[in-house]
Amino acid sequence: MQNIDWNTLGFKYMDTHCHIRYVWRDGAWGPGELAAEPYLNMHIAAACLHYGQAAFEGMKAFRCKDGKIRVFRPQVNAQRMANTARRTCMAPVPEAMFVDAVSRVIRANDDFVPPYGTGGSLYIRPLLIGSGAQIGVAPASEYTFLVLVVPVGPYYKGGLQPVRAVILDDYDRAAPLGVGNVKVAGNYAASLYAHEQAKHAGFPVELYLDSKEHKYVEEFATSNFIGITKDGRYVTPDSSSILPSVTNNTLKQIAADLGLTVEVRPVPFEELAEFAEVGACGTAVVVTPVCEIVRGDTVIKIGSQTGCGPVLQKLYETVQGIQYGELPDTHGWCVEV
């Protein structure tokens, strides 16, 4: 094990032994190689720098109760990256190569996987970029795919803490027929200014409405939206501009397993006040309970102001239980490294 204080580990970058890197040239991917140097030597005209050909994923590996290391649903992340590659005219990474790359880099850094019981995990960041030189708007002729890993602590120390969210009507996350449904780096660049405004106003997260009419809930800046109705239904928005969340997909299945009705449908802004619980879901946190949503002079209080609601708490505990090997993995989501 590394000389790391696992109990104080946060969610930030840390150098590990190596990352794994592949290069696509002349229509084929080369063999992946483990690289110790955490830098890329890149052409100044690389397409990712000029034309935004960049995509990434976020996922985690866990040291489980039985001592084994398992990755959570890597195939789904591989499929999502392939969708992003197609949308941005990049060379797609085959699923088998993606999953093998993840396994190889974890094995090479296995002493950075936090011990079972610390609440930590190994965050995995696959990255695909147009690394070939390109002046003139067109796809690159060369691509680089890499996977880096970082040990991270539990996002919440001491239980799920509810947060306040804000709707900023002056900004949209994605255009109706744009790239909101794929994980391109530019989506996050577009959200930074609004996110900084929200943060300076005391809101950890901003919630976006649809960019056409600003009538319907879409998603939080980096997370999908979940609403739990007073009669126990799991509701999440339906929109072609929303990034398909692996975590939301997981939670929907678990909700159905627990007997909840799952609804994927338009969610009008006015419905926010009717939910018993609201959460933001994503890889880093699984679920963040949201206790208040502010839009101009409108303040909507939702559920408990001091803790997580019972349904979101149950969903969170179930996901974590499966990831750490404490509960049966009935859907075969965890892949042993």
Foldseek 3Di string as FASTA:
>chain_A
DDPDPLLPFAPDADQFQWKKKWKDAPHDIDDIDTDRDPDDDFDPQFCCVPPQQKFKDKWWWALAPVRFIWTFQQLVRLVQQQVSCVVSVHDRDDSVNSVVSVVVQCVVGVVQADHPPSQKIKMKMKMKGRRAGDDDPDGHNMMMIMMDIGIGHANDDPAFWAFAEEEDLVAAQAAQPGCLQHGGPVSLVRCVVVCVVCVVVPGNWYWHAHPPPSFWTAQISAFFKWFAAPVGAIEGEDGPNHHPAPLVVLLQVVSVVVPHHYYYYTHTPVCVLRTQWMWTAHNRHSTHTHQWYDYPPDIRGHHDNGHHDPSSVVSVVVVVCVSNVNDDPVVPRIGTD
